[in-house]
Amino acid sequence: ASRVVLDGAPADAFLYAHIGVSLECIGWLSKGCATLWRVPNSSEKLHRVLNVSVGVLSLLPSNGRLRSSALVYLHRMVDCLGTGMLPTLPPALSHMLAASGDDPKGTTEVVTLVNQMLSKFKAESEGLMLVIVSQLSRAVLERVNSNSDLLRDKMSQEGRELRELYKMWLQLLQTAGAVSMLHVWSAADNGSVLQPMVESAVHGMVLLEEPAACKVAVSIVVSMANKWASGAEAIPGFQAFLLPLVARAIFQCARTPAGNPNDAQSHSLLSDLAGMQRSLRTACGEDWDAHLSKHLLETLALDPQAVQRFLWSLSNASEREFREVFIAQVFAMANTAS
């Protein structure tokens, strides 16, 4: 492949026929033959092919057909080679992110692969995550933030691809929370992407307007609040930064189509939003009450007595009772708006 490229004649069909097809065949063969990688010396051979796959992604990251073939192989090697594949990946992933440019589909492919490895290897993928998370976060968030108007365009191909990227990004963050790996975003070398990452999770509650995606965003924000707003790992200033954003996002989310109380999926989302408020009350105490009260009074212009009843229910009522109070409040706001 390098000779063809260096000679100045990148023949896509030739490269795909001689490299891409072989990578796909070995990848699919490993899936169909579950014991393939247990054959003597098979691991060494699979590693050699892995180096070819990584080389393809490094040398030709913008070649769509070859990139897809290499990714087929990489996804299979997560199961076949395990953590032994991790040290070879940072250069290939970095080249793919750089080559994806304004193409959200290419970035989504990288996020999907990283999410698979994080889910499979958990803490053992920490080294890879520490190396790639800064570039990965910037690649995703620059694409999403610079084209945020497209997120509500469900008809165009560009809008659908951007939404898929955002939803895959949220799934990655959810996986990181589930396997106790959120700390890679707060590591010293990656600290500059922590705030944009947190904002992307909070904004995901509002921008996507799909109950399932919003529920993922809610779970991420709760995980981050529990980790960084209080307790041993609390980050100075994080609580003051997070709580106003979340107070606003909860009621914005509840007033989007995703928060329709008459829809079963949306009703489940509203239940999660109610549970989120109780989690924040537990993690942040009266600081959460203060931010919530300020938003209800000053932004939503609710009656002070209604706000007091809402806060009392948050602190004293059962989980089920507060959920009913919150959903009733959402109904009341929707009727007032109409």
Protein backbone atom coordinates (compact mmCIF):
# COMPACT_ATOMS: atom_id res chain seq x y z
CA ALA A 1 0.00 0.00 0.00
CA SER A 2 2.78 2.45 0.88
CA ARG A 3 4.53 1.81 -2.45
CA VAL A 4 1.39 2.50 -4.43
CA VAL A 5 0.76 5.72 -2.50
CA LEU A 6 4.37 6.90 -2.67
CA ASP A 7 4.50 6.23 -6.41
CA GLY A 8 1.70 8.77 -6.76
CA ALA A 9 -0.84 6.32 -8.18
CA PRO A 10 -3.24 5.35 -5.40
CA ALA A 11 -5.35 2.75 -7.22
CA ASP A 12 -8.38 2.36 -4.96
CA ALA A 13 -9.69 -0.75 -6.69
CA PHE A 14 -6.30 -2.47 -6.57
CA LEU A 15 -5.80 -1.65 -2.88
CA TYR A 16 -9.29 -2.79 -1.95
CA ALA A 17 -8.96 -6.05 -3.89
CA HIS A 18 -5.55 -6.93 -2.45
CA ILE A 19 -5.85 -5.55 1.09
CA GLY A 20 -9.43 -4.60 1.91
CA VAL A 21 -11.04 -7.88 0.85
CA SER A 22 -8.42 -9.88 2.75
CA LEU A 23 -8.99 -7.87 5.93
CA GLU A 24 -12.74 -8.35 5.68
CA CYS A 25 -12.41 -12.08 5.00
CA ILE A 26 -10.16 -12.67 8.00
CA GLY A 27 -12.41 -10.52 10.17
CA TRP A 28 -15.59 -12.37 9.19
CA LEU A 29 -13.81 -15.75 9.35
CA SER A 30 -12.85 -15.01 12.96
CA LYS A 31 -16.49 -14.32 13.72
CA GLY A 32 -17.73 -17.51 12.07
CA CYS A 33 -15.01 -19.68 13.61
CA ALA A 34 -15.08 -18.90 17.30
CA THR A 35 -11.98 -21.00 18.02
CA LEU A 36 -9.80 -19.55 15.26
CA TRP A 37 -7.66 -17.48 17.59
CA ARG A 38 -7.02 -20.47 19.84
CA VAL A 39 -5.14 -22.35 17.11
CA PRO A 40 -1.36 -22.46 17.79
CA ASN A 41 0.44 -19.35 16.49
CA SER A 42 -2.86 -17.80 15.38
CA SER A 43 -2.45 -14.87 17.77
CA GLU A 44 0.89 -13.96 16.19
CA LYS A 45 -0.65 -14.11 12.70
CA LEU A 46 -3.67 -12.06 13.72
CA HIS A 47 -1.30 -9.46 15.21
CA ARG A 48 0.58 -9.28 11.91
CA VAL A 49 -2.68 -8.65 10.09
CA LEU A 50 -3.58 -6.12 12.78
CA ASN A 51 -0.44 -4.19 11.91
CA VAL A 52 -1.58 -4.13 8.28
CA SER A 53 -4.99 -2.88 9.34
CA VAL A 54 -3.46 -0.15 11.49
CA GLY A 55 -1.09 0.72 8.65
CA VAL A 56 -4.01 1.16 6.28
CA LEU A 57 -5.72 3.52 8.69
CA SER A 58 -2.49 5.47 9.21
CA LEU A 59 -1.45 5.72 5.54
CA LEU A 60 -4.86 5.97 3.89
CA PRO A 61 -7.31 7.26 6.52
CA SER A 62 -9.49 9.05 3.97
CA ASN A 63 -9.94 6.02 1.68
CA GLY A 64 -13.49 5.06 2.59
CA ARG A 65 -13.52 1.46 1.31
CA LEU A 66 -10.20 0.53 2.87
CA ARG A 67 -11.07 2.29 6.10
CA SER A 68 -14.29 0.26 6.35
CA SER A 69 -12.37 -2.98 5.72
CA ALA A 70 -9.79 -2.11 8.36
CA LEU A 71 -12.52 -1.25 10.86
CA VAL A 72 -14.26 -4.57 10.27
CA TYR A 73 -11.02 -6.27 11.25
CA LEU A 74 -10.38 -4.04 14.25
CA HIS A 75 -13.86 -4.61 15.65
CA ARG A 76 -13.32 -8.37 15.44
CA MET A 77 -9.89 -8.20 17.05
CA VAL A 78 -11.42 -6.63 20.17
CA ASP A 79 -12.77 -10.13 20.86
CA CYS A 80 -9.93 -12.15 19.32
CA LEU A 81 -6.81 -10.37 20.58
CA GLY A 82 -8.14 -8.60 23.65
CA THR A 83 -6.02 -5.94 25.29
CA GLY A 84 -3.00 -6.97 23.24
CA MET A 85 -4.29 -4.80 20.41
CA LEU A 86 -4.47 -1.57 22.44
CA PRO A 87 -0.85 -0.33 22.12
CA THR A 88 -1.04 -0.34 18.33
CA LEU A 89 -4.16 1.83 18.02
CA PRO A 90 -3.41 5.46 19.00
CA PRO A 91 -1.65 6.43 15.73
CA ALA A 92 -4.38 4.89 13.57
CA LEU A 93 -7.22 6.50 15.52
CA SER A 94 -5.42 9.84 15.47
CA HIS A 95 -4.99 9.69 11.68
CA MET A 96 -8.64 8.74 11.21
CA LEU A 97 -9.83 11.66 13.31
CA ALA A 98 -7.58 14.07 11.44
CA ALA A 99 -8.73 12.73 8.06
CA SER A 100 -12.45 12.80 8.89
CA GLY A 101 -12.48 16.58 8.58
CA ASP A 102 -16.08 17.79 8.49
CA ASP A 103 -17.40 14.27 7.87
CA PRO A 104 -19.38 13.21 10.95
CA LYS A 105 -19.65 9.64 9.65
CA GLY A 106 -15.89 9.11 9.82
CA THR A 107 -15.77 10.52 13.35
CA THR A 108 -18.68 8.30 14.37
CA GLU A 109 -16.72 5.24 13.24
CA VAL A 110 -13.87 6.15 15.59
CA VAL A 111 -16.21 6.86 18.52
CA THR A 112 -17.97 3.53 17.94
CA LEU A 113 -14.69 1.60 18.01
CA VAL A 114 -13.47 3.41 21.14
CA ASN A 115 -16.80 2.74 22.85
CA GLN A 116 -16.55 -0.96 22.03
CA MET A 117 -13.04 -1.17 23.46
CA LEU A 118 -13.96 0.80 26.57
CA SER A 119 -16.96 -1.43 27.19
CA LYS A 120 -14.91 -4.59 26.65
CA PHE A 121 -11.63 -3.71 28.38
CA LYS A 122 -12.83 -1.24 31.02
CA ALA A 123 -9.93 -0.04 33.21
CA GLU A 124 -7.41 -1.82 31.00
CA SER A 125 -8.16 0.69 28.22
CA GLU A 126 -7.12 3.62 30.42
CA GLY A 127 -3.79 4.09 28.62
CA LEU A 128 -5.47 4.34 25.23
CA MET A 129 -8.17 6.67 26.57
CA LEU A 130 -5.65 9.03 28.16
CA VAL A 131 -3.83 9.34 24.83
CA ILE A 132 -6.84 9.71 22.51
CA VAL A 133 -9.56 11.41 24.58
CA SER A 134 -8.46 15.00 24.01
CA GLN A 135 -8.29 14.73 20.20
CA LEU A 136 -11.44 12.60 20.13
CA SER A 137 -13.42 15.10 22.24
CA ARG A 138 -12.34 18.05 20.12
CA ALA A 139 -13.15 16.23 16.88
CA VAL A 140 -16.67 15.37 18.06
CA LEU A 141 -17.53 18.64 19.75
CA GLU A 142 -16.19 20.87 16.98
CA ARG A 143 -18.41 19.07 14.48
CA VAL A 144 -21.46 19.15 16.72
CA ASN A 145 -21.09 22.72 17.97
CA SER A 146 -20.33 24.22 14.56
CA ASN A 147 -23.41 22.58 13.02
CA SER A 148 -25.82 22.47 15.97
CA ASP A 149 -28.74 23.76 13.86
CA LEU A 150 -28.54 20.53 11.84
CA LEU A 151 -29.31 18.43 14.92
CA ARG A 152 -33.01 19.25 14.59
CA ASP A 153 -33.01 18.50 10.86
CA LYS A 154 -34.24 14.92 10.80
CA MET A 155 -34.82 14.87 7.05
CA SER A 156 -31.40 15.65 5.57
CA GLN A 157 -28.54 13.16 5.36
CA GLU A 158 -26.22 15.70 7.00
CA GLY A 159 -28.60 16.13 9.91
CA ARG A 160 -29.03 12.39 10.43
CA GLU A 161 -25.28 11.77 10.37
CA LEU A 162 -24.63 14.54 12.86
CA ARG A 163 -27.34 13.20 15.17
CA GLU A 164 -25.82 9.72 14.99
CA LEU A 165 -22.44 11.16 15.92
CA TYR A 166 -23.92 13.00 18.91
CA LYS A 167 -25.82 9.94 20.10
CA MET A 168 -22.74 7.72 19.75
CA TRP A 169 -20.73 10.30 21.70
CA LEU A 170 -23.29 10.20 24.51
CA GLN A 171 -23.16 6.40 24.52
CA LEU A 172 -19.38 6.62 24.91
CA LEU A 173 -19.75 8.95 27.89
CA GLN A 174 -22.38 6.66 29.39
CA THR A 175 -20.02 3.69 29.00
CA ALA A 176 -17.20 5.67 30.59
CA GLY A 177 -19.42 6.39 33.60
CA ALA A 178 -20.51 2.76 33.86
CA VAL A 179 -16.93 1.44 33.89
CA SER A 180 -15.54 4.19 36.16
CA MET A 181 -13.46 5.85 33.45
CA LEU A 182 -14.82 9.41 33.44
CA HIS A 183 -11.64 10.49 35.20
CA VAL A 184 -9.68 10.40 31.93
CA TRP A 185 -11.45 13.65 30.96
CA SER A 186 -10.31 15.34 34.18
CA ALA A 187 -6.68 14.15 33.91
CA ALA A 188 -4.16 16.98 33.82
CA ASP A 189 -3.33 16.59 30.12
CA ASN A 190 -7.01 16.47 29.13
CA GLY A 191 -8.43 19.10 31.49
CA SER A 192 -9.15 21.55 28.67
CA VAL A 193 -11.84 19.26 27.23
CA LEU A 194 -13.61 18.58 30.54
CA GLN A 195 -15.92 21.60 30.47
CA PRO A 196 -16.96 21.16 26.81
CA MET A 197 -17.57 17.46 27.48
CA VAL A 198 -19.83 18.22 30.45
CA GLU A 199 -21.71 20.87 28.45
CA SER A 200 -22.24 18.40 25.60
CA ALA A 201 -23.91 15.94 27.99
CA VAL A 202 -26.18 18.61 29.48
CA HIS A 203 -27.08 20.03 26.06
CA GLY A 204 -27.82 16.51 24.86
CA MET A 205 -30.83 16.53 27.18
CA VAL A 206 -32.33 19.29 25.05
CA LEU A 207 -30.94 19.24 21.52
CA LEU A 208 -31.72 15.70 20.37
CA GLU A 209 -35.43 15.68 21.31
CA GLU A 210 -35.55 11.86 21.40
CA PRO A 211 -36.57 10.23 24.69
CA ALA A 212 -34.00 7.40 24.46
CA ALA A 213 -31.10 9.76 23.68
CA CYS A 214 -32.21 12.23 26.34
CA LYS A 215 -32.34 9.45 28.93
CA VAL A 216 -28.73 8.59 28.11
CA ALA A 217 -27.74 12.24 28.57
CA VAL A 218 -29.56 12.38 31.92
CA SER A 219 -27.72 9.32 33.21
CA ILE A 220 -24.36 10.82 32.20
CA VAL A 221 -25.04 14.11 33.99
CA VAL A 222 -26.06 12.26 37.15
CA SER A 223 -22.84 10.21 37.01
CA MET A 224 -20.75 13.36 36.61
CA ALA A 225 -22.54 15.14 39.44
CA ASN A 226 -22.04 12.21 41.78
CA LYS A 227 -18.36 12.06 40.85
CA TRP A 228 -17.24 15.70 40.64
CA ALA A 229 -19.82 17.86 42.45
CA SER A 230 -19.17 16.46 45.92
CA GLY A 231 -17.23 13.81 47.79
CA ALA A 232 -13.59 12.75 47.62
CA GLU A 233 -13.18 13.45 43.89
CA ALA A 234 -15.00 16.79 43.89
CA ILE A 235 -13.52 19.36 41.50
CA PRO A 236 -13.42 22.93 42.89
CA GLY A 237 -16.03 25.08 41.17
CA PHE A 238 -17.66 22.15 39.38
CA GLN A 239 -20.87 22.31 41.37
CA ALA A 240 -21.34 26.04 40.76
CA PHE A 241 -20.71 25.48 37.06
CA LEU A 242 -22.97 22.44 36.66
CA LEU A 243 -26.09 23.21 38.68
CA PRO A 244 -27.37 26.29 36.77
CA LEU A 245 -26.91 24.44 33.47
CA VAL A 246 -28.82 21.41 34.69
CA ALA A 247 -31.65 23.39 36.32
CA ARG A 248 -32.30 25.07 32.98
CA ALA A 249 -31.86 21.90 30.91
CA ILE A 250 -34.29 19.81 32.98
CA PHE A 251 -37.23 22.06 32.21
CA GLN A 252 -36.13 22.73 28.64
CA CYS A 253 -36.01 18.98 28.07
CA ALA A 254 -39.40 18.49 29.71
CA ARG A 255 -40.93 21.08 27.34
CA THR A 256 -39.54 19.56 24.11
CA PRO A 257 -41.42 16.88 22.15
CA ALA A 258 -39.31 14.32 24.03
CA GLY A 259 -41.05 15.36 27.25
CA ASN A 260 -44.65 14.77 26.17
CA PRO A 261 -46.30 13.29 29.29
CA ASN A 262 -48.90 11.48 27.17
CA ASP A 263 -46.29 9.35 25.40
CA ALA A 264 -45.01 6.20 27.15
CA GLN A 265 -41.34 6.72 26.23
CA SER A 266 -41.52 10.38 27.12
CA HIS A 267 -43.19 9.57 30.43
CA SER A 268 -40.19 7.35 31.24
CA LEU A 269 -37.88 10.28 30.43
CA LEU A 270 -39.85 12.55 32.75
CA SER A 271 -39.49 9.94 35.49
CA ASP A 272 -35.73 10.00 34.93
CA LEU A 273 -35.72 13.81 35.11
CA ALA A 274 -37.54 13.62 38.44
CA GLY A 275 -35.04 11.04 39.71
CA MET A 276 -32.20 13.27 38.50
CA GLN A 277 -33.42 16.12 40.71
CA ARG A 278 -33.47 13.86 43.74
CA SER A 279 -29.95 12.62 42.92
CA LEU A 280 -28.72 16.20 42.67
CA ARG A 281 -30.43 17.02 45.96
CA THR A 282 -28.58 14.12 47.58
CA ALA A 283 -25.23 15.06 46.04
CA CYS A 284 -25.41 18.85 46.41
CA GLY A 285 -27.93 19.45 49.19
CA GLU A 286 -29.36 22.93 49.57
CA ASP A 287 -27.12 24.30 46.84
CA TRP A 288 -29.28 22.42 44.36
CA ASP A 289 -32.42 23.81 46.04
CA ALA A 290 -31.07 27.34 45.61
CA HIS A 291 -30.28 26.97 41.90
CA LEU A 292 -33.56 25.19 41.21
CA SER A 293 -35.55 27.84 43.10
CA LYS A 294 -33.79 30.64 41.24
CA HIS A 295 -34.62 29.07 37.87
CA LEU A 296 -38.26 28.38 38.77
CA LEU A 297 -38.81 31.91 40.09
CA GLU A 298 -36.76 34.06 37.74
CA THR A 299 -36.78 32.17 34.45
CA LEU A 300 -40.03 30.24 34.53
CA ALA A 301 -41.81 32.91 36.63
CA LEU A 302 -43.64 30.41 38.82
CA ASP A 303 -45.61 31.51 41.84
CA PRO A 304 -43.37 31.60 44.96
CA GLN A 305 -45.78 29.39 46.90
CA ALA A 306 -45.80 26.84 44.07
CA VAL A 307 -41.99 26.85 44.12
CA GLN A 308 -41.97 26.24 47.88
CA ARG A 309 -44.37 23.32 47.49
CA PHE A 310 -42.20 21.89 44.71
CA LEU A 311 -39.02 22.13 46.81
CA TRP A 312 -40.75 20.66 49.86
CA SER A 313 -41.89 17.70 47.75
CA LEU A 314 -38.36 17.26 46.39
CA SER A 315 -36.93 17.03 49.91
CA ASN A 316 -39.70 15.26 51.79
CA ALA A 317 -42.02 13.31 49.50
CA SER A 318 -41.42 9.75 48.34
CA GLU A 319 -39.80 9.13 44.98
CA ARG A 320 -43.14 8.24 43.44
CA GLU A 321 -44.90 11.26 44.93
CA PHE A 322 -42.25 13.69 43.74
CA ARG A 323 -42.35 12.17 40.25
CA GLU A 324 -46.08 12.87 40.13
CA VAL A 325 -45.53 16.42 41.38
CA PHE A 326 -42.88 17.06 38.72
CA ILE A 327 -44.98 15.64 35.87
CA ALA A 328 -47.99 17.66 37.05
CA GLN A 329 -45.78 20.77 36.97
CA VAL A 330 -44.72 19.95 33.41
CA PHE A 331 -48.39 19.58 32.44
CA ALA A 332 -49.19 22.92 34.06
CA MET A 333 -46.35 24.69 32.23
CA ALA A 334 -47.40 23.16 28.92
CA ASN A 335 -51.01 24.29 29.41
CA THR A 336 -49.88 27.80 30.39
CA ALA A 337 -47.66 28.02 27.30
CA SER A 338 -50.51 26.97 25.01
